[in-house]
Amino acid sequence: MNLSRGFEADLEQVLLDEVWEAVDGPDGLAQQIVDRSHEVLRAYGTRHDYDVESVIDSMVGPTVDRHAYVIVARYGWEHPAAPHFAFGSSNHTVDGNPILSFIWEDPPDWIAQEFEQEGDGYRVFLPEVEVSGLPESRFIREGLQWLRREVGR
């Protein structure tokens, strides 16, 4: 068997072409990682009664770039709550700027007496609130774990 002089470089490019095709596009691995992450985040939101759609809507990417010998996929979430949902948080104070406004669905009596009913609760206006910490969802890590399992097959 005779091999051409540049066969290694040719082989690298063929392999990169195959990886590119597997990673890029609307059904590529990069999009599948994002889809898996969103599945995990939605399940987390359902379990804990959190609305996570604004985090999902803040998705940037995925974008896949090909360089000489590297393929780079990038994606992320711009919503400020994304890291808190992903990694969890401890009990903390949320400060308004200058105030917070939200619907409190099962408020204590003093809220019901002081604020107007709206929808399924009461529309409140507060300068700050003390909130319980969030459990971690691991939605970003689960997407990456999914990829590791897929590639390892």
C-alpha atoms as a PDB file:
ATOM      1  CA  MET A   1       0.000   0.000   0.000  1.00  0.00           C
ATOM      2  CA  ASN A   2       1.324   3.419  -0.938  1.00  0.00           C
ATOM      3  CA  LEU A   3       0.287   6.449   1.059  1.00  0.00           C
ATOM      4  CA  SER A   4       0.600   9.972  -0.271  1.00  0.00           C
ATOM      5  CA  ARG A   5       2.875  12.389   1.527  1.00  0.00           C
ATOM      6  CA  GLY A   6       0.097  14.530   2.954  1.00  0.00           C
ATOM      7  CA  PHE A   7      -2.214  11.679   3.952  1.00  0.00           C
ATOM      8  CA  GLU A   8      -2.162  12.623   7.655  1.00  0.00           C
ATOM      9  CA  ALA A   9      -3.240  16.197   6.935  1.00  0.00           C
ATOM     10  CA  ASP A  10      -5.872  14.927   4.500  1.00  0.00           C
ATOM     11  CA  LEU A  11      -7.147  12.487   7.127  1.00  0.00           C
ATOM     12  CA  GLU A  12      -7.329  15.253   9.761  1.00  0.00           C
ATOM     13  CA  GLN A  13      -9.431  17.384   7.411  1.00  0.00           C
ATOM     14  CA  VAL A  14     -11.780  14.488   6.632  1.00  0.00           C
ATOM     15  CA  LEU A  15     -12.235  13.833  10.354  1.00  0.00           C
ATOM     16  CA  LEU A  16     -12.808  17.549  11.037  1.00  0.00           C
ATOM     17  CA  ASP A  17     -15.408  17.603   8.245  1.00  0.00           C
ATOM     18  CA  GLU A  18     -17.237  14.712   9.935  1.00  0.00           C
ATOM     19  CA  VAL A  19     -17.089  16.342  13.361  1.00  0.00           C
ATOM     20  CA  TRP A  20     -18.285  19.662  11.888  1.00  0.00           C
ATOM     21  CA  GLU A  21     -21.275  17.938  10.283  1.00  0.00           C
ATOM     22  CA  ALA A  22     -22.128  16.182  13.560  1.00  0.00           C
ATOM     23  CA  VAL A  23     -21.858  19.333  15.702  1.00  0.00           C
ATOM     24  CA  ASP A  24     -23.260  22.129  13.518  1.00  0.00           C
ATOM     25  CA  GLY A  25     -26.783  22.759  12.283  1.00  0.00           C
ATOM     26  CA  PRO A  26     -30.293  22.709  13.723  1.00  0.00           C
ATOM     27  CA  ASP A  27     -30.067  19.007  14.631  1.00  0.00           C
ATOM     28  CA  GLY A  28     -26.353  18.954  15.457  1.00  0.00           C
ATOM     29  CA  LEU A  29     -24.806  17.981  18.764  1.00  0.00           C
ATOM     30  CA  ALA A  30     -24.436  21.618  19.857  1.00  0.00           C
ATOM     31  CA  GLN A  31     -28.189  22.182  19.538  1.00  0.00           C
ATOM     32  CA  GLN A  32     -28.904  18.836  21.177  1.00  0.00           C
ATOM     33  CA  ILE A  33     -26.839  19.877  24.227  1.00  0.00           C
ATOM     34  CA  VAL A  34     -28.932  23.038  24.496  1.00  0.00           C
ATOM     35  CA  ASP A  35     -32.168  21.073  24.060  1.00  0.00           C
ATOM     36  CA  ARG A  36     -31.147  18.647  26.827  1.00  0.00           C
ATOM     37  CA  SER A  37     -30.222  21.557  29.112  1.00  0.00           C
ATOM     38  CA  HIS A  38     -33.621  23.139  28.499  1.00  0.00           C
ATOM     39  CA  GLU A  39     -35.412  19.844  29.245  1.00  0.00           C
ATOM     40  CA  VAL A  40     -33.625  19.662  32.592  1.00  0.00           C
ATOM     41  CA  LEU A  41     -34.355  23.324  33.365  1.00  0.00           C
ATOM     42  CA  ARG A  42     -38.059  22.972  32.514  1.00  0.00           C
ATOM     43  CA  ALA A  43     -38.355  19.858  34.700  1.00  0.00           C
ATOM     44  CA  TYR A  44     -36.654  21.768  37.523  1.00  0.00           C
ATOM     45  CA  GLY A  45     -39.043  24.685  37.058  1.00  0.00           C
ATOM     46  CA  THR A  46     -42.025  22.344  37.198  1.00  0.00           C
ATOM     47  CA  ARG A  47     -40.728  20.592  40.337  1.00  0.00           C
ATOM     48  CA  HIS A  48     -40.116  23.853  42.186  1.00  0.00           C
ATOM     49  CA  ASP A  49     -42.918  25.944  40.647  1.00  0.00           C
ATOM     50  CA  TYR A  50     -40.498  28.397  38.991  1.00  0.00           C
ATOM     51  CA  ASP A  51     -41.067  30.102  35.668  1.00  0.00           C
ATOM     52  CA  VAL A  52     -37.867  29.376  33.738  1.00  0.00           C
ATOM     53  CA  GLU A  53     -38.975  30.431  30.255  1.00  0.00           C
ATOM     54  CA  SER A  54     -37.314  33.853  30.492  1.00  0.00           C
ATOM     55  CA  VAL A  55     -33.998  32.088  31.167  1.00  0.00           C
ATOM     56  CA  ILE A  56     -34.566  29.762  28.208  1.00  0.00           C
ATOM     57  CA  ASP A  57     -35.508  32.754  26.021  1.00  0.00           C
ATOM     58  CA  SER A  58     -32.183  34.412  26.895  1.00  0.00           C
ATOM     59  CA  MET A  59     -30.286  31.631  25.100  1.00  0.00           C
ATOM     60  CA  VAL A  60     -27.398  32.812  22.937  1.00  0.00           C
ATOM     61  CA  GLY A  61     -26.207  30.359  20.326  1.00  0.00           C
ATOM     62  CA  PRO A  62     -25.246  27.769  19.755  1.00  0.00           C
ATOM     63  CA  THR A  63     -22.655  28.954  17.298  1.00  0.00           C
ATOM     64  CA  VAL A  64     -20.113  26.576  15.857  1.00  0.00           C
ATOM     65  CA  ASP A  65     -16.842  27.884  14.426  1.00  0.00           C
ATOM     66  CA  ARG A  66     -14.304  25.898  12.497  1.00  0.00           C
ATOM     67  CA  HIS A  67     -10.659  26.856  12.535  1.00  0.00           C
ATOM     68  CA  ALA A  68      -7.693  25.094  10.951  1.00  0.00           C
ATOM     69  CA  TYR A  69      -7.635  22.137  13.348  1.00  0.00           C
ATOM     70  CA  VAL A  70     -10.293  23.036  15.913  1.00  0.00           C
ATOM     71  CA  ILE A  71     -14.069  23.181  16.074  1.00  0.00           C
ATOM     72  CA  VAL A  72     -15.500  25.440  18.789  1.00  0.00           C
ATOM     73  CA  ALA A  73     -19.152  25.424  19.875  1.00  0.00           C
ATOM     74  CA  ARG A  74     -20.391  28.302  22.040  1.00  0.00           C
ATOM     75  CA  TYR A  75     -23.690  28.822  23.791  1.00  0.00           C
ATOM     76  CA  GLY A  76     -24.939  30.472  26.944  1.00  0.00           C
ATOM     77  CA  TRP A  77     -27.775  32.182  28.744  1.00  0.00           C
ATOM     78  CA  GLU A  78     -27.785  35.964  29.288  1.00  0.00           C
ATOM     79  CA  HIS A  79     -30.524  36.077  31.918  1.00  0.00           C
ATOM     80  CA  PRO A  80     -29.088  37.153  35.301  1.00  0.00           C
ATOM     81  CA  ALA A  81     -30.962  34.309  37.045  1.00  0.00           C
ATOM     82  CA  ALA A  82     -29.363  31.586  34.875  1.00  0.00           C
ATOM     83  CA  PRO A  83     -26.345  31.010  37.165  1.00  0.00           C
ATOM     84  CA  HIS A  84     -28.621  30.915  40.221  1.00  0.00           C
ATOM     85  CA  PHE A  85     -30.832  28.262  38.637  1.00  0.00           C
ATOM     86  CA  ALA A  86     -27.791  26.304  37.464  1.00  0.00           C
ATOM     87  CA  PHE A  87     -25.678  26.402  40.626  1.00  0.00           C
ATOM     88  CA  GLY A  88     -28.260  27.198  43.302  1.00  0.00           C
ATOM     89  CA  SER A  89     -28.088  29.973  45.859  1.00  0.00           C
ATOM     90  CA  SER A  90     -28.222  30.469  49.603  1.00  0.00           C
ATOM     91  CA  ASN A  91     -30.897  32.459  51.420  1.00  0.00           C
ATOM     92  CA  HIS A  92     -30.482  36.077  50.363  1.00  0.00           C
ATOM     93  CA  THR A  93     -32.022  39.523  50.046  1.00  0.00           C
ATOM     94  CA  VAL A  94     -33.249  40.784  46.686  1.00  0.00           C
ATOM     95  CA  ASP A  95     -33.101  44.575  46.530  1.00  0.00           C
ATOM     96  CA  GLY A  96     -35.443  46.572  44.330  1.00  0.00           C
ATOM     97  CA  ASN A  97     -34.196  49.218  41.981  1.00  0.00           C
ATOM     98  CA  PRO A  98     -35.874  51.200  43.548  1.00  0.00           C
ATOM     99  CA  ILE A  99     -38.711  48.703  44.249  1.00  0.00           C
ATOM    100  CA  LEU A 100     -39.741  45.150  43.392  1.00  0.00           C
ATOM    101  CA  SER A 101     -43.183  44.378  42.024  1.00  0.00           C
ATOM    102  CA  PHE A 102     -44.587  40.886  41.656  1.00  0.00           C
ATOM    103  CA  ILE A 103     -47.691  38.778  42.212  1.00  0.00           C
ATOM    104  CA  TRP A 104     -47.578  37.024  45.587  1.00  0.00           C
ATOM    105  CA  GLU A 105     -49.867  34.021  45.278  1.00  0.00           C
ATOM    106  CA  ASP A 106     -50.106  32.856  48.884  1.00  0.00           C
ATOM    107  CA  PRO A 107     -49.188  35.894  50.966  1.00  0.00           C
ATOM    108  CA  PRO A 108     -49.418  36.429  54.708  1.00  0.00           C
ATOM    109  CA  ASP A 109     -52.463  38.346  55.965  1.00  0.00           C
ATOM    110  CA  TRP A 110     -50.686  41.698  56.163  1.00  0.00           C
ATOM    111  CA  ILE A 111     -49.964  41.574  52.406  1.00  0.00           C
ATOM    112  CA  ALA A 112     -53.623  40.819  51.626  1.00  0.00           C
ATOM    113  CA  GLN A 113     -54.654  43.799  53.752  1.00  0.00           C
ATOM    114  CA  GLU A 114     -52.143  46.240  52.293  1.00  0.00           C
ATOM    115  CA  PHE A 115     -52.085  45.392  48.555  1.00  0.00           C
ATOM    116  CA  GLU A 116     -54.624  44.912  45.758  1.00  0.00           C
ATOM    117  CA  GLN A 117     -55.617  41.484  44.503  1.00  0.00           C
ATOM    118  CA  GLU A 118     -54.454  40.707  40.968  1.00  0.00           C
ATOM    119  CA  GLY A 119     -54.771  37.422  39.113  1.00  0.00           C
ATOM    120  CA  ASP A 120     -54.089  34.531  41.478  1.00  0.00           C
ATOM    121  CA  GLY A 121     -52.530  36.666  44.206  1.00  0.00           C
ATOM    122  CA  TYR A 122     -51.724  40.193  45.270  1.00  0.00           C
ATOM    123  CA  ARG A 123     -49.638  42.743  43.382  1.00  0.00           C
ATOM    124  CA  VAL A 124     -46.977  43.842  45.866  1.00  0.00           C
ATOM    125  CA  PHE A 125     -44.480  46.698  45.761  1.00  0.00           C
ATOM    126  CA  LEU A 126     -41.594  46.245  48.171  1.00  0.00           C
ATOM    127  CA  PRO A 127     -38.132  47.801  48.521  1.00  0.00           C
ATOM    128  CA  GLU A 128     -36.564  44.370  49.162  1.00  0.00           C
ATOM    129  CA  VAL A 129     -37.503  40.780  49.943  1.00  0.00           C
ATOM    130  CA  GLU A 130     -35.814  37.974  51.816  1.00  0.00           C
ATOM    131  CA  VAL A 131     -35.906  34.818  49.710  1.00  0.00           C
ATOM    132  CA  SER A 132     -35.034  31.219  50.331  1.00  0.00           C
ATOM    133  CA  GLY A 133     -32.069  29.908  48.447  1.00  0.00           C
ATOM    134  CA  LEU A 134     -32.576  28.006  45.221  1.00  0.00           C
ATOM    135  CA  PRO A 135     -31.573  24.375  44.907  1.00  0.00           C
ATOM    136  CA  GLU A 136     -29.185  23.763  42.022  1.00  0.00           C
ATOM    137  CA  SER A 137     -30.698  22.470  38.795  1.00  0.00           C
ATOM    138  CA  ARG A 138     -27.416  21.500  37.134  1.00  0.00           C
ATOM    139  CA  PHE A 139     -29.087  22.194  33.782  1.00  0.00           C
ATOM    140  CA  ILE A 140     -25.854  23.324  32.118  1.00  0.00           C
ATOM    141  CA  ARG A 141     -23.782  20.444  33.486  1.00  0.00           C
ATOM    142  CA  GLU A 142     -26.454  17.929  32.502  1.00  0.00           C
ATOM    143  CA  GLY A 143     -26.245  19.096  28.887  1.00  0.00           C
ATOM    144  CA  LEU A 144     -22.482  18.548  28.926  1.00  0.00           C
ATOM    145  CA  GLN A 145     -22.880  15.173  30.671  1.00  0.00           C
ATOM    146  CA  TRP A 146     -25.336  14.170  27.944  1.00  0.00           C
ATOM    147  CA  LEU A 147     -22.708  15.021  25.310  1.00  0.00           C
ATOM    148  CA  ARG A 148     -20.058  12.961  27.110  1.00  0.00           C
ATOM    149  CA  ARG A 149     -22.397   9.966  27.150  1.00  0.00           C
ATOM    150  CA  GLU A 150     -23.232  10.394  23.461  1.00  0.00           C
ATOM    151  CA  VAL A 151     -19.607  10.734  22.372  1.00  0.00           C
ATOM    152  CA  GLY A 152     -18.600   7.778  24.551  1.00  0.00           C
ATOM    153  CA  ARG A 153     -20.954   5.381  22.770  1.00  0.00           C
END
